Amino acid sequence: MAKIIIDPVNRMEGHLGIEADITPAESNGFRLNPNAQCRGNMYRGFEQLLKKRDPRDAMVITQRH
């Protein structure tokens, strides 16, 4: 059994990591075990600001200058 760790996941805002165990499959290739994990390492709180708002408000509230 081998382990794949992708941390950080590129092209994502913030910090996201994925960890998965793989085992050789009966046929060609590999298969992922059901205990793969995805974790966010950073919480910025924008989700709380955007609750119960129009989705279009996110462009203005979360923009960077």
PDB file of N, CA and C in Angstrom:
ATOM      1  N   MET A   1       0.858  -1.175   0.000  1.00  0.00           N
ATOM      2  CA  MET A   1       0.000   0.000   0.000  1.00  0.00           C
ATOM      3  C   MET A   1       0.903   1.236   0.000  1.00  0.00           C
ATOM      4  N   ALA A   2       0.495   2.224  -0.742  1.00  0.00           N
ATOM      5  CA  ALA A   2       1.221   3.501  -0.827  1.00  0.00           C
ATOM      6  C   ALA A   2       0.283   4.629  -0.427  1.00  0.00           C
ATOM      7  N   LYS A   3       0.863   5.760  -0.121  1.00  0.00           N
ATOM      8  CA  LYS A   3       0.069   6.930   0.278  1.00  0.00           C
ATOM      9  C   LYS A   3       0.391   8.076  -0.673  1.00  0.00           C
ATOM     10  N   ILE A   4      -0.657   8.765  -1.136  1.00  0.00           N
ATOM     11  CA  ILE A   4      -0.503   9.955  -1.965  1.00  0.00           C
ATOM     12  C   ILE A   4      -0.911  11.153  -1.124  1.00  0.00           C
ATOM     13  N   ILE A   5      -0.063  12.178  -1.095  1.00  0.00           N
ATOM     14  CA  ILE A   5      -0.382  13.415  -0.382  1.00  0.00           C
ATOM     15  C   ILE A   5      -0.217  14.561  -1.373  1.00  0.00           C
ATOM     16  N   ILE A   6      -1.278  15.322  -1.573  1.00  0.00           N
ATOM     17  CA  ILE A   6      -1.249  16.508  -2.414  1.00  0.00           C
ATOM     18  C   ILE A   6      -1.572  17.689  -1.506  1.00  0.00           C
ATOM     19  N   ASP A   7      -0.545  18.446  -1.174  1.00  0.00           N
ATOM     20  CA  ASP A   7      -0.730  19.536  -0.228  1.00  0.00           C
ATOM     21  C   ASP A   7       0.304  20.609  -0.505  1.00  0.00           C
ATOM     22  N   PRO A   8      -0.024  21.760  -0.969  1.00  0.00           N
ATOM     23  CA  PRO A   8      -1.364  22.293  -1.200  1.00  0.00           C
ATOM     24  C   PRO A   8      -1.891  21.894  -2.576  1.00  0.00           C
ATOM     25  N   VAL A   9      -3.194  21.941  -2.705  1.00  0.00           N
ATOM     26  CA  VAL A   9      -3.833  21.739  -3.996  1.00  0.00           C
ATOM     27  C   VAL A   9      -3.732  23.064  -4.748  1.00  0.00           C
ATOM     28  N   ASN A  10      -3.070  23.063  -5.882  1.00  0.00           N
ATOM     29  CA  ASN A  10      -2.887  24.291  -6.659  1.00  0.00           C
ATOM     30  C   ASN A  10      -4.201  24.759  -7.267  1.00  0.00           C
ATOM     31  N   ARG A  11      -4.244  26.020  -7.620  1.00  0.00           N
ATOM     32  CA  ARG A  11      -5.402  26.651  -8.256  1.00  0.00           C
ATOM     33  C   ARG A  11      -6.604  26.746  -7.327  1.00  0.00           C
ATOM     34  N   MET A  12      -6.380  26.707  -6.040  1.00  0.00           N
ATOM     35  CA  MET A  12      -7.450  26.873  -5.056  1.00  0.00           C
ATOM     36  C   MET A  12      -7.084  28.067  -4.186  1.00  0.00           C
ATOM     37  N   GLU A  13      -8.061  28.852  -3.809  1.00  0.00           N
ATOM     38  CA  GLU A  13      -7.828  29.957  -2.890  1.00  0.00           C
ATOM     39  C   GLU A  13      -7.804  29.394  -1.483  1.00  0.00           C
ATOM     40  N   GLY A  14      -6.783  29.702  -0.742  1.00  0.00           N
ATOM     41  CA  GLY A  14      -6.659  29.171   0.604  1.00  0.00           C
ATOM     42  C   GLY A  14      -5.766  27.945   0.612  1.00  0.00           C
ATOM     43  N   HIS A  15      -5.851  27.159   1.639  1.00  0.00           N
ATOM     44  CA  HIS A  15      -4.997  25.993   1.805  1.00  0.00           C
ATOM     45  C   HIS A  15      -5.861  24.750   1.874  1.00  0.00           C
ATOM     46  N   LEU A  16      -5.628  23.832   0.957  1.00  0.00           N
ATOM     47  CA  LEU A  16      -6.393  22.597   0.895  1.00  0.00           C
ATOM     48  C   LEU A  16      -5.425  21.459   0.681  1.00  0.00           C
ATOM     49  N   GLY A  17      -5.601  20.368   1.412  1.00  0.00           N
ATOM     50  CA  GLY A  17      -4.740  19.205   1.260  1.00  0.00           C
ATOM     51  C   GLY A  17      -5.563  17.942   1.092  1.00  0.00           C
ATOM     52  N   ILE A  18      -5.032  16.998   0.325  1.00  0.00           N
ATOM     53  CA  ILE A  18      -5.696  15.710   0.104  1.00  0.00           C
ATOM     54  C   ILE A  18      -4.705  14.607   0.422  1.00  0.00           C
ATOM     55  N   GLU A  19      -5.183  13.590   1.141  1.00  0.00           N
ATOM     56  CA  GLU A  19      -4.356  12.442   1.490  1.00  0.00           C
ATOM     57  C   GLU A  19      -5.160  11.186   1.197  1.00  0.00           C
ATOM     58  N   ALA A  20      -4.583  10.257   0.458  1.00  0.00           N
ATOM     59  CA  ALA A  20      -5.308   9.044   0.079  1.00  0.00           C
ATOM     60  C   ALA A  20      -4.361   7.851   0.062  1.00  0.00           C
ATOM     61  N   ASP A  21      -4.847   6.710   0.503  1.00  0.00           N
ATOM     62  CA  ASP A  21      -4.105   5.457   0.402  1.00  0.00           C
ATOM     63  C   ASP A  21      -4.478   4.789  -0.906  1.00  0.00           C
ATOM     64  N   ILE A  22      -3.482   4.212  -1.585  1.00  0.00           N
ATOM     65  CA  ILE A  22      -3.770   3.483  -2.810  1.00  0.00           C
ATOM     66  C   ILE A  22      -3.204   2.075  -2.696  1.00  0.00           C
ATOM     67  N   THR A  23      -3.822   1.136  -3.346  1.00  0.00           N
ATOM     68  CA  THR A  23      -3.347  -0.241  -3.401  1.00  0.00           C
ATOM     69  C   THR A  23      -3.400  -0.709  -4.843  1.00  0.00           C
ATOM     70  N   PRO A  24      -2.532  -1.634  -5.215  1.00  0.00           N
ATOM     71  CA  PRO A  24      -2.600  -2.166  -6.576  1.00  0.00           C
ATOM     72  C   PRO A  24      -3.952  -2.842  -6.805  1.00  0.00           C
ATOM     73  N   ALA A  25      -4.546  -2.592  -7.952  1.00  0.00           N
ATOM     74  CA  ALA A  25      -5.833  -3.204  -8.294  1.00  0.00           C
ATOM     75  C   ALA A  25      -5.589  -4.584  -8.877  1.00  0.00           C
ATOM     76  N   GLU A  26      -6.651  -5.375  -8.949  1.00  0.00           N
ATOM     77  CA  GLU A  26      -6.544  -6.723  -9.498  1.00  0.00           C
ATOM     78  C   GLU A  26      -6.155  -6.672 -10.974  1.00  0.00           C
ATOM     79  N   SER A  27      -6.678  -5.699 -11.696  1.00  0.00           N
ATOM     80  CA  SER A  27      -6.303  -5.503 -13.096  1.00  0.00           C
ATOM     81  C   SER A  27      -5.256  -4.391 -13.155  1.00  0.00           C
ATOM     82  N   ASN A  28      -5.035  -3.830 -14.314  1.00  0.00           N
ATOM     83  CA  ASN A  28      -4.069  -2.739 -14.455  1.00  0.00           C
ATOM     84  C   ASN A  28      -4.470  -1.538 -13.614  1.00  0.00           C
ATOM     85  N   GLY A  29      -3.486  -0.819 -13.103  1.00  0.00           N
ATOM     86  CA  GLY A  29      -3.752   0.428 -12.403  1.00  0.00           C
ATOM     87  C   GLY A  29      -3.829   0.272 -10.896  1.00  0.00           C
ATOM     88  N   PHE A  30      -4.414   1.277 -10.272  1.00  0.00           N
ATOM     89  CA  PHE A  30      -4.524   1.332  -8.819  1.00  0.00           C
ATOM     90  C   PHE A  30      -5.953   1.673  -8.451  1.00  0.00           C
ATOM     91  N   ARG A  31      -6.281   1.464  -7.202  1.00  0.00           N
ATOM     92  CA  ARG A  31      -7.592   1.883  -6.701  1.00  0.00           C
ATOM     93  C   ARG A  31      -7.384   2.617  -5.385  1.00  0.00           C
ATOM     94  N   LEU A  32      -8.213   3.624  -5.166  1.00  0.00           N
ATOM     95  CA  LEU A  32      -8.161   4.380  -3.910  1.00  0.00           C
ATOM     96  C   LEU A  32      -8.912   3.627  -2.829  1.00  0.00           C
ATOM     97  N   ASN A  33      -8.385   3.638  -1.637  1.00  0.00           N
ATOM     98  CA  ASN A  33      -9.098   3.058  -0.503  1.00  0.00           C
ATOM     99  C   ASN A  33     -10.137   4.056  -0.026  1.00  0.00           C
ATOM    100  N   PRO A  34     -11.194   3.590   0.613  1.00  0.00           N
ATOM    101  CA  PRO A  34     -12.277   4.501   1.011  1.00  0.00           C
ATOM    102  C   PRO A  34     -11.917   5.471   2.135  1.00  0.00           C
ATOM    103  N   ASN A  35     -10.698   5.457   2.633  1.00  0.00           N
ATOM    104  CA  ASN A  35     -10.354   6.362   3.735  1.00  0.00           C
ATOM    105  C   ASN A  35      -9.563   7.586   3.268  1.00  0.00           C
ATOM    106  N   ALA A  36      -9.818   8.061   2.053  1.00  0.00           N
ATOM    107  CA  ALA A  36      -9.177   9.295   1.580  1.00  0.00           C
ATOM    108  C   ALA A  36      -9.716  10.478   2.383  1.00  0.00           C
ATOM    109  N   GLN A  37      -8.838  11.450   2.632  1.00  0.00           N
ATOM    110  CA  GLN A  37      -9.231  12.618   3.429  1.00  0.00           C
ATOM    111  C   GLN A  37      -8.895  13.899   2.697  1.00  0.00           C
ATOM    112  N   CYS A  38      -9.740  14.886   2.868  1.00  0.00           N
ATOM    113  CA  CYS A  38      -9.522  16.223   2.334  1.00  0.00           C
ATOM    114  C   CYS A  38      -9.614  17.174   3.524  1.00  0.00           C
ATOM    115  N   ARG A  39      -8.650  18.066   3.652  1.00  0.00           N
ATOM    116  CA  ARG A  39      -8.682  18.968   4.816  1.00  0.00           C
ATOM    117  C   ARG A  39      -8.325  20.393   4.398  1.00  0.00           C
ATOM    118  N   GLY A  40      -9.002  21.293   5.012  1.00  0.00           N
ATOM    119  CA  GLY A  40      -8.699  22.713   4.822  1.00  0.00           C
ATOM    120  C   GLY A  40      -7.869  23.184   5.996  1.00  0.00           C
ATOM    121  N   ASN A  41      -6.730  23.784   5.704  1.00  0.00           N
ATOM    122  CA  ASN A  41      -5.805  24.194   6.763  1.00  0.00           C
ATOM    123  C   ASN A  41      -5.952  25.649   7.163  1.00  0.00           C
ATOM    124  N   MET A  42      -6.862  26.347   6.509  1.00  0.00           N
ATOM    125  CA  MET A  42      -6.995  27.770   6.798  1.00  0.00           C
ATOM    126  C   MET A  42      -8.462  28.171   6.750  1.00  0.00           C
ATOM    127  N   TYR A  43      -8.907  28.864   7.749  1.00  0.00           N
ATOM    128  CA  TYR A  43     -10.281  29.344   7.808  1.00  0.00           C
ATOM    129  C   TYR A  43     -10.234  30.854   7.866  1.00  0.00           C
ATOM    130  N   ARG A  44     -10.833  31.506   6.870  1.00  0.00           N
ATOM    131  CA  ARG A  44     -10.770  32.962   6.800  1.00  0.00           C
ATOM    132  C   ARG A  44     -12.060  33.635   7.243  1.00  0.00           C
ATOM    133  N   GLY A  45     -13.142  32.913   7.374  1.00  0.00           N
ATOM    134  CA  GLY A  45     -14.366  33.469   7.901  1.00  0.00           C
ATOM    135  C   GLY A  45     -15.307  34.101   6.893  1.00  0.00           C
ATOM    136  N   PHE A  46     -14.943  34.087   5.610  1.00  0.00           N
ATOM    137  CA  PHE A  46     -15.823  34.687   4.605  1.00  0.00           C
ATOM    138  C   PHE A  46     -17.170  33.984   4.540  1.00  0.00           C
ATOM    139  N   GLU A  47     -17.164  32.697   4.858  1.00  0.00           N
ATOM    140  CA  GLU A  47     -18.418  31.951   4.826  1.00  0.00           C
ATOM    141  C   GLU A  47     -19.440  32.550   5.779  1.00  0.00           C
ATOM    142  N   GLN A  48     -18.970  32.997   6.937  1.00  0.00           N
ATOM    143  CA  GLN A  48     -19.865  33.596   7.928  1.00  0.00           C
ATOM    144  C   GLN A  48     -20.417  34.932   7.436  1.00  0.00           C
ATOM    145  N   LEU A  49     -19.586  35.706   6.767  1.00  0.00           N
ATOM    146  CA  LEU A  49     -20.028  37.004   6.247  1.00  0.00           C
ATOM    147  C   LEU A  49     -21.074  36.859   5.143  1.00  0.00           C
ATOM    148  N   LEU A  50     -21.022  35.759   4.421  1.00  0.00           N
ATOM    149  CA  LEU A  50     -21.875  35.590   3.250  1.00  0.00           C
ATOM    150  C   LEU A  50     -23.167  34.816   3.518  1.00  0.00           C
ATOM    151  N   LYS A  51     -23.367  34.391   4.749  1.00  0.00           N
ATOM    152  CA  LYS A  51     -24.590  33.650   5.063  1.00  0.00           C
ATOM    153  C   LYS A  51     -25.828  34.494   4.796  1.00  0.00           C
ATOM    154  N   LYS A  52     -26.816  33.890   4.165  1.00  0.00           N
ATOM    155  CA  LYS A  52     -28.126  34.503   3.896  1.00  0.00           C
ATOM    156  C   LYS A  52     -28.023  35.757   3.022  1.00  0.00           C
ATOM    157  N   ARG A  53     -26.985  35.840   2.210  1.00  0.00           N
ATOM    158  CA  ARG A  53     -26.830  36.962   1.283  1.00  0.00           C
ATOM    159  C   ARG A  53     -27.006  36.474  -0.141  1.00  0.00           C
ATOM    160  N   ASP A  54     -27.238  37.414  -1.027  1.00  0.00           N
ATOM    161  CA  ASP A  54     -27.298  37.110  -2.449  1.00  0.00           C
ATOM    162  C   ASP A  54     -25.895  36.661  -2.894  1.00  0.00           C
ATOM    163  N   PRO A  55     -25.760  35.584  -3.661  1.00  0.00           N
ATOM    164  CA  PRO A  55     -24.436  35.115  -4.089  1.00  0.00           C
ATOM    165  C   PRO A  55     -23.615  36.168  -4.827  1.00  0.00           C
ATOM    166  N   ARG A  56     -24.272  37.101  -5.482  1.00  0.00           N
ATOM    167  CA  ARG A  56     -23.536  38.147  -6.206  1.00  0.00           C
ATOM    168  C   ARG A  56     -22.842  39.124  -5.272  1.00  0.00           C
ATOM    169  N   ASP A  57     -23.249  39.173  -4.005  1.00  0.00           N
ATOM    170  CA  ASP A  57     -22.581  40.040  -3.028  1.00  0.00           C
ATOM    171  C   ASP A  57     -21.148  39.582  -2.742  1.00  0.00           C
ATOM    172  N   ALA A  58     -20.864  38.307  -2.973  1.00  0.00           N
ATOM    173  CA  ALA A  58     -19.532  37.768  -2.664  1.00  0.00           C
ATOM    174  C   ALA A  58     -18.442  38.470  -3.454  1.00  0.00           C
ATOM    175  N   MET A  59     -18.720  38.875  -4.674  1.00  0.00           N
ATOM    176  CA  MET A  59     -17.710  39.549  -5.503  1.00  0.00           C
ATOM    177  C   MET A  59     -17.250  40.858  -4.869  1.00  0.00           C
ATOM    178  N   VAL A  60     -18.156  41.551  -4.202  1.00  0.00           N
ATOM    179  CA  VAL A  60     -17.821  42.837  -3.604  1.00  0.00           C
ATOM    180  C   VAL A  60     -17.236  42.649  -2.205  1.00  0.00           C
ATOM    181  N   ILE A  61     -17.820  41.764  -1.419  1.00  0.00           N
ATOM    182  CA  ILE A  61     -17.400  41.598  -0.026  1.00  0.00           C
ATOM    183  C   ILE A  61     -16.018  40.959   0.097  1.00  0.00           C
ATOM    184  N   THR A  62     -15.709  40.003  -0.778  1.00  0.00           N
ATOM    185  CA  THR A  62     -14.473  39.222  -0.621  1.00  0.00           C
ATOM    186  C   THR A  62     -13.348  39.640  -1.559  1.00  0.00           C
ATOM    187  N   GLN A  63     -13.524  40.725  -2.306  1.00  0.00           N
ATOM    188  CA  GLN A  63     -12.473  41.112  -3.251  1.00  0.00           C
ATOM    189  C   GLN A  63     -11.214  41.582  -2.524  1.00  0.00           C
ATOM    190  N   ARG A  64     -10.107  41.437  -3.208  1.00  0.00           N
ATOM    191  CA  ARG A  64      -8.822  41.917  -2.672  1.00  0.00           C
ATOM    192  C   ARG A  64      -8.439  43.184  -3.394  1.00  0.00           C
ATOM    193  N   HIS A  65      -7.776  44.061  -2.687  1.00  0.00           N
ATOM    194  CA  HIS A  65      -7.338  45.329  -3.296  1.00  0.00           C
ATOM    195  C   HIS A  65      -5.867  45.298  -3.545  1.00  0.00           C
TER     196      HIS A  65
END
